[in-house]
Amino acid sequence: MGPADESAELLRLLANEARLKVFAALVLEARLSSEIADRAGLAVRDTIKVLARLEAVGLAARVGDGWHACPEALAQAAAGLGKAPDDSFADRDPAEAAVLRTYLTQGRIRRLPVQRAKRLVVLDHIAGSFEPGLRYDEGEIVEALRIFTDDHAALRRHLVDEGFLGREGGVYWRTGGSFPV
C-alpha cells in the first residue's frame, strides 16, 4: 500500500459518521471512553470498537490519562497524496515490501504494526542492520535504533522479545531474522 492508498484509506475511515464523531471528540480533548461516547452520542461498547480502529491506523493513541487524537496522521496522509510509491523495497517479497512501505517512511517507523505478522516483517527489516556474530553495547544499539524511531527502548524490547536480538549483561547480538543470499 503506497502513500496515496493510505491517504484514501484514512479518508474512507473518517467518512463513517460514527468514526468521525469519535475522532472529533478526541480532538476536542475528551479522554475517557465514557466521555468520548457521550460526546459522540454512541454506546461505550461501540465507541471502544471505533477507538481501536482509529488506533490501528494511527489516528488515536492510548496515553496514561486516556485517549488522545493523533491529527498528525492526517497531515502525513495529505503529504502522501500524489507521491509515487516507494520502491526502496523492490528487492523484497511483494507482500513484505507492502508492509514495509505501509509502516516505514524514509526508513523511519511511522508506527509499529499491531498485527504480529506485520510487526515481525518490520522487526526483521530492522534486525538486518545488525551484523551476525558481532556484539554491540547498549549505546551502539540505541544509536542504531534511533535511525528508525525516537522510542528506541520499546523497539529494542520488541527485537529482544521476538528473538531478533539476544541480550546479556548490557551486551546485544543478532540472534534471528532473514539473511540475504
N, C-alpha and C. Protein backbone atom coordinates (compact mmCIF):
# COMPACT_ATOMS: atom_id res chain seq x y z
N MET A 1 0.85 -1.17 0.00
CA MET A 1 0.00 0.00 0.00
C MET A 1 0.89 1.23 0.00
N GLY A 2 0.73 2.07 -1.01
CA GLY A 2 1.53 3.28 -1.12
C GLY A 2 0.92 4.43 -0.37
N PRO A 3 1.61 5.59 -0.38
CA PRO A 3 1.10 6.76 0.33
C PRO A 3 -0.30 7.19 -0.12
N ALA A 4 -0.57 7.14 -1.42
CA ALA A 4 -1.89 7.54 -1.90
C ALA A 4 -2.97 6.58 -1.40
N ASP A 5 -2.64 5.28 -1.37
CA ASP A 5 -3.59 4.29 -0.86
C ASP A 5 -3.88 4.51 0.62
N GLU A 6 -2.85 4.82 1.39
CA GLU A 6 -3.02 5.07 2.81
C GLU A 6 -3.87 6.32 3.04
N SER A 7 -3.64 7.35 2.23
CA SER A 7 -4.43 8.57 2.35
C SER A 7 -5.90 8.28 2.07
N ALA A 8 -6.16 7.51 1.01
CA ALA A 8 -7.54 7.15 0.67
C ALA A 8 -8.17 6.33 1.78
N GLU A 9 -7.39 5.43 2.39
CA GLU A 9 -7.91 4.61 3.50
C GLU A 9 -8.31 5.47 4.69
N LEU A 10 -7.51 6.48 5.02
CA LEU A 10 -7.86 7.37 6.13
C LEU A 10 -9.13 8.16 5.81
N LEU A 11 -9.25 8.61 4.57
CA LEU A 11 -10.46 9.34 4.19
C LEU A 11 -11.70 8.44 4.27
N ARG A 12 -11.56 7.19 3.79
CA ARG A 12 -12.68 6.26 3.88
C ARG A 12 -13.05 6.00 5.34
N LEU A 13 -12.04 5.87 6.17
CA LEU A 13 -12.28 5.61 7.59
C LEU A 13 -13.05 6.76 8.23
N LEU A 14 -12.64 7.99 7.95
CA LEU A 14 -13.29 9.14 8.56
C LEU A 14 -14.60 9.53 7.87
N ALA A 15 -14.88 8.92 6.72
CA ALA A 15 -16.15 9.18 6.05
C ALA A 15 -17.32 8.52 6.80
N ASN A 16 -17.01 7.60 7.69
CA ASN A 16 -18.02 6.95 8.52
C ASN A 16 -18.40 7.92 9.65
N GLU A 17 -19.68 8.19 9.79
CA GLU A 17 -20.15 9.19 10.74
C GLU A 17 -19.74 8.89 12.19
N ALA A 18 -19.87 7.64 12.61
CA ALA A 18 -19.52 7.28 13.99
C ALA A 18 -18.03 7.50 14.24
N ARG A 19 -17.19 7.08 13.29
CA ARG A 19 -15.75 7.26 13.49
C ARG A 19 -15.37 8.74 13.49
N LEU A 20 -16.02 9.51 12.63
CA LEU A 20 -15.74 10.95 12.59
C LEU A 20 -16.15 11.61 13.90
N LYS A 21 -17.29 11.22 14.46
CA LYS A 21 -17.74 11.78 15.74
C LYS A 21 -16.76 11.44 16.87
N VAL A 22 -16.27 10.19 16.89
CA VAL A 22 -15.33 9.79 17.93
C VAL A 22 -14.02 10.55 17.76
N PHE A 23 -13.54 10.68 16.53
CA PHE A 23 -12.31 11.44 16.29
C PHE A 23 -12.49 12.90 16.71
N ALA A 24 -13.65 13.47 16.38
CA ALA A 24 -13.93 14.86 16.77
C ALA A 24 -13.92 15.01 18.29
N ALA A 25 -14.50 14.06 19.00
CA ALA A 25 -14.50 14.10 20.47
C ALA A 25 -13.07 14.07 21.00
N LEU A 26 -12.23 13.27 20.36
CA LEU A 26 -10.82 13.22 20.77
C LEU A 26 -10.12 14.56 20.51
N VAL A 27 -10.38 15.14 19.36
CA VAL A 27 -9.76 16.43 19.02
C VAL A 27 -10.20 17.49 20.02
N LEU A 28 -11.45 17.38 20.48
CA LEU A 28 -11.97 18.32 21.48
C LEU A 28 -11.58 17.94 22.90
N GLU A 29 -10.63 17.02 23.01
CA GLU A 29 -9.96 16.64 24.25
C GLU A 29 -10.79 15.81 25.22
N ALA A 30 -11.76 15.06 24.72
CA ALA A 30 -12.38 14.03 25.56
C ALA A 30 -11.34 12.93 25.72
N ARG A 31 -11.17 12.39 26.91
CA ARG A 31 -10.09 11.43 27.15
C ARG A 31 -10.58 10.03 27.54
N LEU A 32 -11.60 9.95 28.36
CA LEU A 32 -12.10 8.66 28.82
C LEU A 32 -13.11 8.10 27.83
N SER A 33 -13.16 6.79 27.69
CA SER A 33 -14.08 6.15 26.75
C SER A 33 -15.52 6.59 26.98
N SER A 34 -15.92 6.69 28.23
CA SER A 34 -17.30 7.10 28.54
C SER A 34 -17.56 8.55 28.11
N GLU A 35 -16.59 9.41 28.32
CA GLU A 35 -16.72 10.81 27.93
C GLU A 35 -16.77 10.94 26.40
N ILE A 36 -15.95 10.17 25.73
CA ILE A 36 -15.92 10.18 24.26
C ILE A 36 -17.26 9.68 23.73
N ALA A 37 -17.77 8.61 24.34
CA ALA A 37 -19.07 8.05 23.92
C ALA A 37 -20.18 9.08 24.10
N ASP A 38 -20.19 9.79 25.22
CA ASP A 38 -21.21 10.82 25.47
C ASP A 38 -21.15 11.91 24.40
N ARG A 39 -19.95 12.41 24.13
CA ARG A 39 -19.81 13.48 23.14
C ARG A 39 -20.16 13.02 21.73
N ALA A 40 -19.86 11.76 21.43
CA ALA A 40 -20.14 11.24 20.09
C ALA A 40 -21.57 10.74 19.95
N GLY A 41 -22.27 10.58 21.08
CA GLY A 41 -23.64 10.09 21.05
C GLY A 41 -23.71 8.61 20.71
N LEU A 42 -22.72 7.84 21.17
CA LEU A 42 -22.65 6.40 20.89
C LEU A 42 -22.61 5.62 22.20
N ALA A 43 -22.90 4.33 22.10
CA ALA A 43 -22.74 3.44 23.24
C ALA A 43 -21.25 3.27 23.52
N VAL A 44 -20.90 3.07 24.78
CA VAL A 44 -19.49 2.91 25.16
C VAL A 44 -18.86 1.74 24.40
N ARG A 45 -19.60 0.64 24.29
CA ARG A 45 -19.07 -0.54 23.60
C ARG A 45 -18.72 -0.21 22.14
N ASP A 46 -19.62 0.51 21.45
CA ASP A 46 -19.36 0.90 20.06
C ASP A 46 -18.19 1.88 19.99
N THR A 47 -18.10 2.76 20.95
CA THR A 47 -17.02 3.74 20.99
C THR A 47 -15.67 3.05 21.15
N ILE A 48 -15.61 2.05 21.98
CA ILE A 48 -14.35 1.32 22.19
C ILE A 48 -13.91 0.64 20.90
N LYS A 49 -14.85 0.08 20.15
CA LYS A 49 -14.53 -0.53 18.86
C LYS A 49 -13.98 0.51 17.88
N VAL A 50 -14.62 1.67 17.85
CA VAL A 50 -14.17 2.74 16.96
C VAL A 50 -12.78 3.22 17.38
N LEU A 51 -12.56 3.37 18.68
CA LEU A 51 -11.25 3.81 19.16
C LEU A 51 -10.15 2.82 18.76
N ALA A 52 -10.44 1.54 18.85
CA ALA A 52 -9.47 0.52 18.45
C ALA A 52 -9.14 0.66 16.96
N ARG A 53 -10.15 0.92 16.15
CA ARG A 53 -9.94 1.09 14.70
C ARG A 53 -9.11 2.34 14.43
N LEU A 54 -9.43 3.44 15.11
CA LEU A 54 -8.66 4.67 14.95
C LEU A 54 -7.22 4.50 15.41
N GLU A 55 -7.04 3.74 16.49
CA GLU A 55 -5.69 3.48 16.99
C GLU A 55 -4.90 2.66 15.97
N ALA A 56 -5.54 1.70 15.33
CA ALA A 56 -4.86 0.82 14.37
C ALA A 56 -4.30 1.59 13.18
N VAL A 57 -4.94 2.69 12.81
CA VAL A 57 -4.46 3.48 11.67
C VAL A 57 -3.67 4.72 12.10
N GLY A 58 -3.46 4.86 13.41
CA GLY A 58 -2.63 5.96 13.89
C GLY A 58 -3.35 7.26 14.16
N LEU A 59 -4.69 7.28 14.16
CA LEU A 59 -5.44 8.50 14.41
C LEU A 59 -5.74 8.71 15.90
N ALA A 60 -5.53 7.69 16.71
CA ALA A 60 -5.77 7.79 18.15
C ALA A 60 -4.70 6.99 18.87
N ALA A 61 -4.45 7.38 20.10
CA ALA A 61 -3.46 6.66 20.91
C ALA A 61 -3.89 6.66 22.36
N ARG A 62 -3.62 5.54 23.02
CA ARG A 62 -3.86 5.46 24.47
C ARG A 62 -2.63 5.99 25.18
N VAL A 63 -2.85 6.94 26.04
CA VAL A 63 -1.77 7.52 26.83
C VAL A 63 -2.21 7.43 28.27
N GLY A 64 -1.31 7.61 29.20
CA GLY A 64 -1.58 7.43 30.62
C GLY A 64 -2.93 7.92 31.11
N ASP A 65 -3.35 9.12 30.72
CA ASP A 65 -4.61 9.66 31.25
C ASP A 65 -5.81 9.38 30.35
N GLY A 66 -5.67 8.52 29.36
CA GLY A 66 -6.80 8.18 28.49
C GLY A 66 -6.42 8.23 27.02
N TRP A 67 -7.40 8.54 26.19
CA TRP A 67 -7.22 8.56 24.75
C TRP A 67 -6.83 9.95 24.27
N HIS A 68 -6.06 9.99 23.19
CA HIS A 68 -5.63 11.25 22.59
C HIS A 68 -5.76 11.15 21.08
N ALA A 69 -6.13 12.27 20.44
CA ALA A 69 -6.17 12.33 18.99
C ALA A 69 -4.76 12.44 18.45
N CYS A 70 -4.52 11.90 17.27
CA CYS A 70 -3.23 12.00 16.58
C CYS A 70 -3.46 12.62 15.21
N PRO A 71 -3.76 13.92 15.17
CA PRO A 71 -4.07 14.56 13.89
C PRO A 71 -2.88 14.60 12.93
N GLU A 72 -1.68 14.38 13.45
CA GLU A 72 -0.50 14.36 12.57
C GLU A 72 -0.60 13.25 11.54
N ALA A 73 -1.38 12.20 11.83
CA ALA A 73 -1.60 11.13 10.84
C ALA A 73 -2.32 11.69 9.62
N LEU A 74 -3.22 12.65 9.83
CA LEU A 74 -3.89 13.29 8.70
C LEU A 74 -2.92 14.13 7.88
N ALA A 75 -2.01 14.82 8.56
CA ALA A 75 -1.00 15.62 7.86
C ALA A 75 -0.09 14.71 7.03
N GLN A 76 0.30 13.57 7.60
CA GLN A 76 1.12 12.61 6.84
C GLN A 76 0.37 12.08 5.64
N ALA A 77 -0.91 11.81 5.82
CA ALA A 77 -1.72 11.30 4.71
C ALA A 77 -1.81 12.35 3.60
N ALA A 78 -2.02 13.60 3.98
CA ALA A 78 -2.11 14.68 3.00
C ALA A 78 -0.79 14.83 2.26
N ALA A 79 0.32 14.70 2.98
CA ALA A 79 1.64 14.81 2.35
C ALA A 79 1.88 13.66 1.38
N GLY A 80 1.25 12.51 1.63
CA GLY A 80 1.45 11.35 0.77
C GLY A 80 0.64 11.37 -0.51
N LEU A 81 -0.33 12.28 -0.62
CA LEU A 81 -1.15 12.33 -1.83
C LEU A 81 -0.31 12.73 -3.03
N GLY A 82 -0.46 11.99 -4.09
CA GLY A 82 0.24 12.31 -5.34
C GLY A 82 1.68 11.85 -5.40
N LYS A 83 2.19 11.23 -4.34
CA LYS A 83 3.58 10.76 -4.36
C LYS A 83 3.66 9.40 -5.04
N ALA A 84 4.75 9.18 -5.71
CA ALA A 84 4.98 7.88 -6.33
C ALA A 84 5.27 6.86 -5.24
N PRO A 85 4.92 5.59 -5.45
CA PRO A 85 5.20 4.57 -4.45
C PRO A 85 6.70 4.45 -4.18
N ASP A 86 7.01 4.15 -2.94
CA ASP A 86 8.39 3.95 -2.51
C ASP A 86 8.89 2.63 -3.08
N ASP A 87 9.97 2.68 -3.87
CA ASP A 87 10.48 1.44 -4.46
C ASP A 87 11.77 0.97 -3.78
N SER A 88 12.04 1.50 -2.58
CA SER A 88 13.27 1.11 -1.88
C SER A 88 13.22 -0.33 -1.38
N PHE A 89 12.05 -0.97 -1.45
CA PHE A 89 11.93 -2.36 -1.01
C PHE A 89 11.65 -3.28 -2.20
N ALA A 90 12.01 -2.85 -3.39
CA ALA A 90 11.72 -3.61 -4.61
C ALA A 90 12.39 -4.98 -4.61
N ASP A 91 13.48 -5.14 -3.88
CA ASP A 91 14.18 -6.42 -3.84
C ASP A 91 13.54 -7.41 -2.86
N ARG A 92 12.55 -6.97 -2.11
CA ARG A 92 11.88 -7.82 -1.12
C ARG A 92 10.69 -8.54 -1.74
N ASP A 93 10.20 -9.53 -1.05
CA ASP A 93 8.96 -10.20 -1.41
C ASP A 93 7.87 -9.12 -1.49
N PRO A 94 7.00 -9.17 -2.51
CA PRO A 94 5.99 -8.11 -2.66
C PRO A 94 5.11 -7.88 -1.42
N ALA A 95 4.74 -8.95 -0.74
CA ALA A 95 3.91 -8.79 0.47
C ALA A 95 4.70 -8.09 1.57
N GLU A 96 5.97 -8.47 1.75
CA GLU A 96 6.81 -7.82 2.77
C GLU A 96 7.06 -6.36 2.40
N ALA A 97 7.31 -6.10 1.12
CA ALA A 97 7.55 -4.73 0.66
C ALA A 97 6.34 -3.85 0.95
N ALA A 98 5.15 -4.40 0.75
CA ALA A 98 3.92 -3.63 1.02
C ALA A 98 3.82 -3.28 2.50
N VAL A 99 4.16 -4.23 3.37
CA VAL A 99 4.13 -3.96 4.81
C VAL A 99 5.15 -2.88 5.16
N LEU A 100 6.36 -3.00 4.63
CA LEU A 100 7.41 -2.02 4.94
C LEU A 100 7.04 -0.63 4.43
N ARG A 101 6.46 -0.55 3.24
CA ARG A 101 6.03 0.75 2.71
C ARG A 101 4.92 1.36 3.58
N THR A 102 4.09 0.51 4.15
CA THR A 102 2.99 0.99 4.98
C THR A 102 3.48 1.56 6.31
N TYR A 103 4.47 0.92 6.92
CA TYR A 103 4.86 1.29 8.28
C TYR A 103 6.17 2.06 8.38
N LEU A 104 6.89 2.21 7.27
CA LEU A 104 8.14 2.98 7.27
C LEU A 104 8.04 4.12 6.28
N THR A 105 8.52 5.27 6.66
CA THR A 105 8.61 6.42 5.76
C THR A 105 10.04 6.92 5.83
N GLN A 106 10.69 6.94 4.68
CA GLN A 106 12.09 7.35 4.60
C GLN A 106 12.94 6.61 5.64
N GLY A 107 12.65 5.33 5.79
CA GLY A 107 13.43 4.48 6.68
C GLY A 107 13.02 4.53 8.14
N ARG A 108 12.12 5.44 8.51
CA ARG A 108 11.70 5.56 9.91
C ARG A 108 10.34 4.94 10.12
N ILE A 109 10.15 4.37 11.31
CA ILE A 109 8.89 3.74 11.65
C ILE A 109 7.85 4.82 11.93
N ARG A 110 6.74 4.77 11.20
CA ARG A 110 5.63 5.68 11.48
C ARG A 110 4.90 5.20 12.71
N ARG A 111 4.63 3.90 12.72
CA ARG A 111 4.03 3.24 13.89
C ARG A 111 4.34 1.76 13.72
N LEU A 112 4.49 1.08 14.81
CA LEU A 112 4.75 -0.35 14.77
C LEU A 112 3.43 -1.07 14.57
N PRO A 113 3.37 -2.00 13.64
CA PRO A 113 2.10 -2.70 13.39
C PRO A 113 1.57 -3.40 14.64
N VAL A 114 0.27 -3.38 14.79
CA VAL A 114 -0.38 -4.08 15.89
C VAL A 114 -0.41 -5.57 15.59
N GLN A 115 -0.69 -5.91 14.34
CA GLN A 115 -0.76 -7.30 13.93
C GLN A 115 0.65 -7.92 13.97
N ARG A 116 0.80 -9.02 14.69
CA ARG A 116 2.11 -9.62 14.93
C ARG A 116 2.84 -9.99 13.64
N ALA A 117 2.16 -10.57 12.67
CA ALA A 117 2.82 -10.99 11.43
C ALA A 117 3.45 -9.79 10.72
N LYS A 118 2.75 -8.67 10.71
CA LYS A 118 3.30 -7.47 10.07
C LYS A 118 4.42 -6.87 10.92
N ARG A 119 4.24 -6.91 12.23
CA ARG A 119 5.28 -6.40 13.13
C ARG A 119 6.58 -7.18 12.94
N LEU A 120 6.47 -8.49 12.75
CA LEU A 120 7.66 -9.32 12.54
C LEU A 120 8.38 -8.94 11.25
N VAL A 121 7.65 -8.56 10.21
CA VAL A 121 8.27 -8.12 8.96
C VAL A 121 9.10 -6.86 9.21
N VAL A 122 8.52 -5.91 9.95
CA VAL A 122 9.24 -4.67 10.25
C VAL A 122 10.45 -4.96 11.13
N LEU A 123 10.28 -5.78 12.15
CA LEU A 123 11.40 -6.11 13.05
C LEU A 123 12.51 -6.86 12.30
N ASP A 124 12.14 -7.74 11.39
CA ASP A 124 13.12 -8.46 10.58
C ASP A 124 13.95 -7.47 9.75
N HIS A 125 13.28 -6.50 9.18
CA HIS A 125 13.97 -5.47 8.39
C HIS A 125 14.97 -4.71 9.27
N ILE A 126 14.55 -4.35 10.47
CA ILE A 126 15.43 -3.60 11.38
C ILE A 126 16.59 -4.48 11.85
N ALA A 127 16.31 -5.74 12.13
CA ALA A 127 17.37 -6.67 12.56
C ALA A 127 18.46 -6.79 11.51
N GLY A 128 18.09 -6.58 10.25
CA GLY A 128 19.08 -6.65 9.17
C GLY A 128 20.16 -5.60 9.26
N SER A 129 19.99 -4.59 10.10
CA SER A 129 21.03 -3.57 10.25
C SER A 129 22.11 -3.98 11.24
N PHE A 130 21.95 -5.17 11.84
CA PHE A 130 22.96 -5.68 12.78
C PHE A 130 23.66 -6.88 12.15
N GLU A 131 24.97 -6.88 12.26
CA GLU A 131 25.78 -7.96 11.68
C GLU A 131 25.75 -9.20 12.56
N PRO A 132 25.49 -10.35 11.96
CA PRO A 132 25.55 -11.60 12.74
C PRO A 132 26.97 -11.82 13.27
N GLY A 133 27.06 -12.29 14.48
CA GLY A 133 28.35 -12.59 15.08
C GLY A 133 29.01 -11.43 15.81
N LEU A 134 28.53 -10.22 15.61
CA LEU A 134 29.11 -9.06 16.30
C LEU A 134 28.36 -8.80 17.60
N ARG A 135 29.07 -8.30 18.58
CA ARG A 135 28.47 -7.92 19.86
C ARG A 135 28.38 -6.40 19.90
N TYR A 136 27.27 -5.91 20.43
CA TYR A 136 27.02 -4.47 20.50
C TYR A 136 26.74 -4.08 21.93
N ASP A 137 27.35 -2.96 22.39
CA ASP A 137 26.99 -2.49 23.72
C ASP A 137 25.70 -1.68 23.61
N GLU A 138 25.11 -1.36 24.74
CA GLU A 138 23.80 -0.71 24.74
C GLU A 138 23.81 0.62 23.99
N GLY A 139 24.89 1.37 24.11
CA GLY A 139 24.99 2.65 23.41
C GLY A 139 24.96 2.48 21.90
N GLU A 140 25.61 1.45 21.40
CA GLU A 140 25.60 1.19 19.96
C GLU A 140 24.20 0.78 19.49
N ILE A 141 23.52 0.01 20.30
CA ILE A 141 22.15 -0.41 19.96
C ILE A 141 21.24 0.81 19.91
N VAL A 142 21.33 1.66 20.94
CA VAL A 142 20.50 2.86 20.99
C VAL A 142 20.75 3.73 19.76
N GLU A 143 22.00 3.94 19.43
CA GLU A 143 22.37 4.76 18.27
C GLU A 143 21.80 4.17 16.98
N ALA A 144 21.92 2.87 16.81
CA ALA A 144 21.41 2.22 15.60
C ALA A 144 19.89 2.29 15.52
N LEU A 145 19.21 2.14 16.64
CA LEU A 145 17.74 2.12 16.63
C LEU A 145 17.13 3.52 16.51
N ARG A 146 17.87 4.55 16.90
CA ARG A 146 17.36 5.92 16.75
C ARG A 146 17.19 6.30 15.29
N ILE A 147 17.84 5.59 14.41
CA ILE A 147 17.65 5.82 12.98
C ILE A 147 16.20 5.50 12.60
N PHE A 148 15.62 4.52 13.29
CA PHE A 148 14.28 4.03 12.97
C PHE A 148 13.17 4.71 13.75
N THR A 149 13.45 5.11 15.00
CA THR A 149 12.40 5.69 15.84
C THR A 149 13.03 6.41 17.03
N ASP A 150 12.29 7.35 17.59
CA ASP A 150 12.75 8.01 18.82
C ASP A 150 12.53 7.12 20.03
N ASP A 151 11.58 6.19 19.93
CA ASP A 151 11.29 5.27 21.04
C ASP A 151 12.16 4.01 20.89
N HIS A 152 13.47 4.21 21.00
CA HIS A 152 14.42 3.11 20.80
C HIS A 152 14.29 2.03 21.87
N ALA A 153 13.86 2.41 23.08
CA ALA A 153 13.74 1.42 24.16
C ALA A 153 12.64 0.40 23.84
N ALA A 154 11.49 0.88 23.37
CA ALA A 154 10.41 -0.05 23.01
C ALA A 154 10.81 -0.92 21.83
N LEU A 155 11.48 -0.33 20.85
CA LEU A 155 11.91 -1.09 19.68
C LEU A 155 12.92 -2.16 20.08
N ARG A 156 13.85 -1.80 20.95
CA ARG A 156 14.85 -2.77 21.43
C ARG A 156 14.17 -3.92 22.17
N ARG A 157 13.18 -3.58 22.98
CA ARG A 157 12.43 -4.60 23.73
C ARG A 157 11.72 -5.56 22.77
N HIS A 158 11.09 -5.01 21.72
CA HIS A 158 10.42 -5.86 20.73
C HIS A 158 11.42 -6.78 20.02
N LEU A 159 12.57 -6.25 19.66
CA LEU A 159 13.58 -7.06 18.97
C LEU A 159 14.08 -8.20 19.86
N VAL A 160 14.26 -7.94 21.13
CA VAL A 160 14.70 -8.98 22.07
C VAL A 160 13.56 -9.97 22.32
N ASP A 161 12.37 -9.47 22.60
CA ASP A 161 11.23 -10.34 22.91
C ASP A 161 10.88 -11.26 21.75
N GLU A 162 11.05 -10.80 20.52
CA GLU A 162 10.69 -11.60 19.34
C GLU A 162 11.87 -12.44 18.84
N GLY A 163 13.01 -12.40 19.53
CA GLY A 163 14.13 -13.28 19.19
C GLY A 163 15.03 -12.79 18.07
N PHE A 164 14.96 -11.52 17.72
CA PHE A 164 15.85 -10.98 16.69
C PHE A 164 17.19 -10.56 17.28
N LEU A 165 17.18 -10.16 18.55
CA LEU A 165 18.41 -9.80 19.27
C LEU A 165 18.47 -10.59 20.57
N GLY A 166 19.68 -11.00 20.93
CA GLY A 166 19.93 -11.59 22.23
C GLY A 166 20.52 -10.53 23.14
N ARG A 167 20.41 -10.73 24.44
CA ARG A 167 20.91 -9.72 25.38
C ARG A 167 21.38 -10.40 26.65
N GLU A 168 22.53 -9.97 27.12
CA GLU A 168 23.03 -10.43 28.41
C GLU A 168 24.03 -9.41 28.93
N GLY A 169 23.78 -8.94 30.14
CA GLY A 169 24.71 -8.01 30.79
C GLY A 169 24.97 -6.74 30.00
N GLY A 170 23.97 -6.20 29.34
CA GLY A 170 24.14 -4.96 28.58
C GLY A 170 24.81 -5.14 27.23
N VAL A 171 25.01 -6.38 26.82
CA VAL A 171 25.61 -6.68 25.51
C VAL A 171 24.54 -7.35 24.65
N TYR A 172 24.46 -6.93 23.40
CA TYR A 172 23.45 -7.42 22.46
C TYR A 172 24.13 -8.06 21.26
N TRP A 173 23.42 -9.00 20.63
CA TRP A 173 23.89 -9.62 19.40
C TRP A 173 22.68 -10.08 18.60
N ARG A 174 22.87 -10.21 17.32
CA ARG A 174 21.77 -10.64 16.46
C ARG A 174 21.57 -12.15 16.60
N THR A 175 20.33 -12.55 16.85
CA THR A 175 20.03 -13.97 17.04
C THR A 175 19.02 -14.49 16.04
N GLY A 176 18.44 -13.62 15.22
CA GLY A 176 17.42 -14.09 14.29
C GLY A 176 17.23 -13.15 13.14
N GLY A 177 16.23 -13.48 12.34
CA GLY A 177 15.91 -12.66 11.18
C GLY A 177 16.40 -13.31 9.90
N SER A 178 15.97 -12.74 8.79
CA SER A 178 16.37 -13.30 7.50
C SER A 178 17.72 -12.72 7.07
N PHE A 179 18.37 -13.45 6.19
CA PHE A 179 19.68 -13.04 5.71
C PHE A 179 19.66 -13.07 4.18
N PRO A 180 20.16 -12.01 3.53
CA PRO A 180 20.18 -12.03 2.07
C PRO A 180 21.19 -13.09 1.58
N VAL A 181 20.81 -13.78 0.52
CA VAL A 181 21.72 -14.80 -0.05
C VAL A 181 22.11 -14.44 -1.45
